């Protein structure tokens, strides 16, 4: 499970990096367009009422296995939007004075900014949905080696919470997923883990089992989420520690 989570984490980081690169390129393009419009008088943009700017649309090859990258999608959408805004400004400049042109430029800048904000919000929502689909929901590193409490909806038929704590010498967690409460009974499970130098958990075994009818259920959940945990990277040899899961029924 640990290699899969590492690949998912690298995938999300790569998407976020491409997203910000696309945003920087797009903002630079808009700045150049606005500067060019500001330096040109309105008279130079005179055009017939039916004037238009042809926009060439690339033909996308139908390939189910290959999808356009985030940067390509953002760039195509924003270039199309800027082209339409420039065309509108040029068409109206023939019958308006310089003062009106300045107002149009300001309005266009506001529209571009609003478009960027809307696209940014939509992209963040999509990334959050992808993160949930990849099973990366967990607790971020808060700089503390304490207990982490959470309410979970893993299985809505049962109500309860899970308290997670860990004992790893001089090492903090990076990703500490919380099991959902799926078992009917309460219990405590202590899992011994072996942590590789890259922070992933390579081995996990129960050293203190839960008792009662829900023993198998609680032990399975604890092992599953212990293997998904990630700790800080170290250059030394592999390290051992324990993760404790307290399942509290309500």
Protein backbone atom coordinates (compact mmCIF):
# COMPACT_ATOMS: atom_id res chain seq x y z
CA UNK A 1 0.00 0.00 0.00
CA UNK A 2 2.87 2.40 0.79
CA UNK A 3 4.32 2.51 -2.79
CA UNK A 4 0.83 3.18 -4.14
CA UNK A 5 0.31 6.08 -1.76
CA UNK A 6 3.76 7.49 -2.67
CA UNK A 7 2.87 7.37 -6.35
CA UNK A 8 -0.48 9.08 -5.66
CA UNK A 9 1.25 11.78 -3.59
CA UNK A 10 3.80 12.43 -6.35
CA UNK A 11 0.97 12.59 -8.88
CA UNK A 12 -0.89 15.22 -6.84
CA UNK A 13 2.31 17.28 -6.35
CA UNK A 14 3.01 17.11 -10.10
CA UNK A 15 -0.54 18.30 -10.89
CA UNK A 16 -0.26 21.20 -8.44
CA UNK A 17 3.11 22.22 -9.91
CA UNK A 18 1.76 22.16 -13.48
CA UNK A 19 -1.27 24.14 -12.33
CA UNK A 20 0.83 27.00 -10.90
CA UNK A 21 3.13 27.03 -13.94
CA UNK A 22 0.05 27.42 -16.14
CA UNK A 23 -1.30 30.21 -13.93
CA UNK A 24 2.00 32.17 -14.12
CA UNK A 25 2.14 31.83 -17.91
CA UNK A 26 -1.49 32.90 -18.24
CA UNK A 27 -1.07 35.98 -16.02
CA UNK A 28 2.02 37.00 -18.02
CA UNK A 29 0.03 36.71 -21.26
CA UNK A 30 -2.77 38.88 -19.87
CA UNK A 31 -0.32 41.52 -18.68
CA UNK A 32 1.17 41.79 -22.19
CA UNK A 33 -2.29 42.06 -23.78
CA UNK A 34 -3.42 44.80 -21.37
CA UNK A 35 -0.16 46.73 -21.88
CA UNK A 36 -0.58 46.61 -25.65
CA UNK A 37 -4.20 47.84 -25.42
CA UNK A 38 -3.22 50.67 -23.08
CA UNK A 39 -0.44 51.99 -25.35
CA UNK A 40 -2.55 51.99 -28.55
CA UNK A 41 -5.08 54.83 -29.16
CA UNK A 42 -8.68 53.89 -29.81
CA UNK A 43 -8.54 55.11 -33.40
CA UNK A 44 -6.04 52.47 -34.41
CA UNK A 45 -8.49 49.74 -33.52
CA UNK A 46 -11.26 51.02 -35.81
CA UNK A 47 -12.99 48.13 -37.47
CA UNK A 48 -16.22 47.40 -39.26
CA UNK A 49 -19.23 46.47 -37.16
CA UNK A 50 -19.06 42.94 -38.43
CA UNK A 51 -15.32 42.59 -37.99
CA UNK A 52 -14.10 39.52 -36.24
CA UNK A 53 -10.88 37.80 -35.33
CA UNK A 54 -10.62 34.26 -36.62
CA UNK A 55 -9.70 31.75 -33.99
CA UNK A 56 -8.22 28.46 -35.06
CA UNK A 57 -9.31 25.53 -32.97
CA UNK A 58 -6.97 22.59 -32.81
CA UNK A 59 -8.40 19.24 -33.74
CA UNK A 60 -8.06 16.90 -30.82
CA UNK A 61 -7.28 13.29 -31.63
CA UNK A 62 -9.68 10.85 -30.09
CA UNK A 63 -7.60 8.83 -27.67
CA UNK A 64 -9.20 7.49 -24.54
CA UNK A 65 -5.90 6.63 -22.90
CA UNK A 66 -4.26 10.08 -23.44
CA UNK A 67 -5.86 13.18 -21.89
CA UNK A 68 -4.66 16.83 -22.25
CA UNK A 69 -2.51 18.07 -19.40
CA UNK A 70 -3.72 20.64 -16.90
CA UNK A 71 -1.41 23.28 -18.35
CA UNK A 72 -2.72 22.71 -21.88
CA UNK A 73 -6.34 22.92 -20.74
CA UNK A 74 -5.81 26.16 -18.82
CA UNK A 75 -3.80 27.76 -21.60
CA UNK A 76 -6.37 26.85 -24.29
CA UNK A 77 -9.29 28.14 -22.20
CA UNK A 78 -7.60 31.41 -21.27
CA UNK A 79 -6.30 32.09 -24.80
CA UNK A 80 -9.80 31.63 -26.15
CA UNK A 81 -11.22 33.91 -23.46
CA UNK A 82 -8.61 36.64 -24.08
CA UNK A 83 -9.17 36.45 -27.85
CA UNK A 84 -12.91 36.98 -27.40
CA UNK A 85 -12.38 39.90 -25.02
CA UNK A 86 -9.89 41.58 -27.39
CA UNK A 87 -12.29 41.12 -30.31
CA UNK A 88 -15.11 42.76 -28.34
CA UNK A 89 -12.88 45.67 -27.35
CA UNK A 90 -11.69 46.21 -30.97
CA UNK A 91 -15.24 46.12 -32.37
CA UNK A 92 -16.50 48.77 -29.94
CA UNK A 93 -13.42 51.02 -30.21
CA UNK A 94 -14.44 52.37 -33.66
CA UNK A 95 -17.41 54.29 -32.20
CA UNK A 96 -16.02 55.21 -28.80
CA UNK A 97 -13.50 57.75 -27.61
CA UNK A 98 -10.29 57.14 -25.72
CA UNK A 99 -12.04 57.55 -22.36
CA UNK A 100 -14.53 54.84 -23.27
CA UNK A 101 -11.68 52.63 -24.45
CA UNK A 102 -9.99 53.00 -21.07
CA UNK A 103 -13.21 51.99 -19.35
CA UNK A 104 -13.49 48.96 -21.62
CA UNK A 105 -9.92 47.99 -20.83
CA UNK A 106 -10.61 48.25 -17.11
CA UNK A 107 -13.77 46.17 -17.51
CA UNK A 108 -11.86 43.60 -19.53
CA UNK A 109 -9.18 43.40 -16.86
CA UNK A 110 -11.86 42.81 -14.23
CA UNK A 111 -13.47 40.11 -16.36
CA UNK A 112 -10.13 38.38 -16.89
CA UNK A 113 -9.38 38.50 -13.17
CA UNK A 114 -12.82 37.10 -12.33
CA UNK A 115 -12.34 34.35 -14.90
CA UNK A 116 -8.98 33.43 -13.39
CA UNK A 117 -10.40 33.30 -9.88
CA UNK A 118 -13.28 31.10 -11.03
CA UNK A 119 -10.95 28.73 -12.84
CA UNK A 120 -8.60 28.61 -9.85
CA UNK A 121 -11.46 27.75 -7.50
CA UNK A 122 -12.78 25.09 -9.87
CA UNK A 123 -9.32 23.55 -10.19
CA UNK A 124 -8.82 23.42 -6.42
CA UNK A 125 -12.20 21.71 -6.05
CA UNK A 126 -11.25 19.18 -8.74
CA UNK A 127 -7.91 18.46 -7.09
CA UNK A 128 -9.64 17.99 -3.74
CA UNK A 129 -12.04 15.52 -5.36
CA UNK A 130 -9.12 13.66 -6.97
CA UNK A 131 -7.37 13.52 -3.61
CA UNK A 132 -10.45 11.90 -2.07
CA UNK A 133 -10.69 9.42 -4.95
CA UNK A 134 -7.07 8.38 -4.51
CA UNK A 135 -7.70 7.63 -0.84
CA UNK A 136 -5.34 10.34 0.40
CA UNK A 137 -7.56 11.76 3.11
CA UNK A 138 -5.65 11.96 6.36
CA UNK A 139 -4.17 14.28 8.95
CA UNK A 140 -1.41 16.70 7.84
CA UNK A 141 1.71 17.22 9.89
CA UNK A 142 0.97 19.79 12.59
CA UNK A 143 4.47 19.70 14.06
CA UNK A 144 3.34 17.85 17.16
CA UNK A 145 3.83 14.24 18.24
CA UNK A 146 0.52 14.07 20.04
CA UNK A 147 -2.80 12.33 19.68
CA UNK A 148 -5.00 12.98 16.69
CA UNK A 149 -8.78 12.85 17.20
CA UNK A 150 -11.30 12.65 14.43
CA UNK A 151 -14.88 11.69 13.67
CA UNK A 152 -15.16 9.36 10.72
CA UNK A 153 -17.94 8.36 8.37
CA UNK A 154 -16.27 5.24 6.98
CA UNK A 155 -19.43 3.28 7.73
CA UNK A 156 -22.47 5.34 8.72
CA UNK A 157 -24.24 2.35 10.24
CA UNK A 158 -22.11 2.63 13.36
CA UNK A 159 -21.21 5.70 15.39
CA UNK A 160 -17.91 6.23 17.13
CA UNK A 161 -14.52 7.83 16.84
CA UNK A 162 -10.92 6.67 16.53
CA UNK A 163 -8.00 8.16 18.48
CA UNK A 164 -4.57 7.65 16.92
CA UNK A 165 -1.19 8.20 18.57
CA UNK A 166 2.30 7.00 17.74
CA UNK A 167 5.68 6.46 19.39
CA UNK A 168 8.56 6.96 16.96
CA UNK A 169 11.76 8.43 18.38
CA UNK A 170 12.70 11.88 17.00
CA UNK A 171 10.41 11.57 14.02
CA UNK A 172 7.12 13.28 13.15
CA UNK A 173 4.37 12.09 10.86
CA UNK A 174 3.76 13.48 7.38
CA UNK A 175 0.58 11.55 6.62
CA UNK A 176 -1.37 9.75 9.35
CA UNK A 177 -4.68 8.35 8.03
CA UNK A 178 -7.48 7.79 10.51
CA UNK A 179 -9.53 4.57 10.28
CA UNK A 180 -13.28 4.92 10.06
CA UNK A 181 -15.36 3.31 12.79
CA UNK A 182 -16.77 0.18 11.17
CA UNK A 183 -16.80 -2.26 14.09
CA UNK A 184 -19.55 -2.60 16.67
CA UNK A 185 -17.26 -2.94 19.69
CA UNK A 186 -14.70 -0.61 21.25
CA UNK A 187 -11.08 -1.64 21.62
CA UNK A 188 -7.40 -0.72 21.53
CA UNK A 189 -4.87 -2.02 19.03
CA UNK A 190 -1.11 -1.37 19.09
CA UNK A 191 0.73 -1.92 15.81
CA UNK A 192 4.52 -2.17 15.56
CA UNK A 193 5.78 -0.62 12.32
CA UNK A 194 9.10 -0.56 10.50
CA UNK A 195 9.76 2.77 8.79
CA UNK A 196 12.07 3.04 5.79
CA UNK A 197 14.44 5.95 5.23
CA UNK A 198 11.96 7.55 2.82
CA UNK A 199 9.32 7.61 5.58
CA UNK A 200 7.06 4.84 4.27
CA UNK A 201 5.93 1.94 6.43
CA UNK A 202 7.41 -1.28 5.09
CA UNK A 203 6.23 -3.71 7.78
CA UNK A 204 3.38 -3.73 10.29
CA UNK A 205 2.23 -6.29 12.85
CA UNK A 206 -0.15 -6.25 15.80
CA UNK A 207 1.68 -6.41 19.14
CA UNK A 208 -1.36 -5.67 21.32
CA UNK A 209 -4.63 -7.03 20.00
CA UNK A 210 -8.15 -5.89 20.71
CA UNK A 211 -10.33 -8.27 22.72
CA UNK A 212 -13.93 -9.33 22.29
CA UNK A 213 -16.12 -10.13 19.33
CA UNK A 214 -14.70 -7.27 17.25
CA UNK A 215 -11.06 -8.39 17.64
CA UNK A 216 -10.57 -9.36 14.00
CA UNK A 217 -12.39 -6.28 12.70
CA UNK A 218 -10.38 -3.81 14.81
CA UNK A 219 -7.04 -5.52 14.14
CA UNK A 220 -7.64 -5.53 10.39
CA UNK A 221 -8.54 -1.83 10.34
CA UNK A 222 -5.49 -0.89 12.42
CA UNK A 223 -3.08 -2.84 10.20
CA UNK A 224 -4.60 -1.42 7.02
CA UNK A 225 -4.15 2.20 8.06
CA UNK A 226 -0.79 1.69 9.77
CA UNK A 227 0.68 0.54 6.44
CA UNK A 228 -0.60 3.75 4.80
CA UNK A 229 1.14 6.06 7.27
CA UNK A 230 4.11 8.17 6.17
CA UNK A 231 6.76 9.76 8.41
CA UNK A 232 9.61 12.22 7.89
CA UNK A 233 12.47 11.24 5.62
CA UNK A 234 15.72 10.20 7.29
CA UNK A 235 19.14 9.34 5.91
CA UNK A 236 19.88 6.78 8.62
CA UNK A 237 18.89 3.14 8.65
CA UNK A 238 15.31 1.92 8.96
CA UNK A 239 13.53 2.71 12.23
CA UNK A 240 10.92 0.92 14.32
CA UNK A 241 8.06 2.38 16.32
CA UNK A 242 4.44 1.83 17.29
CA UNK A 243 1.08 3.29 16.28
CA UNK A 244 -1.83 2.97 18.71
CA UNK A 245 -5.47 2.96 17.59
CA UNK A 246 -8.22 3.44 20.19
CA UNK A 247 -11.68 2.70 18.81
CA UNK A 248 -14.34 4.39 20.97
CA UNK A 249 -17.94 3.28 20.46
CA UNK A 250 -20.85 5.64 21.10
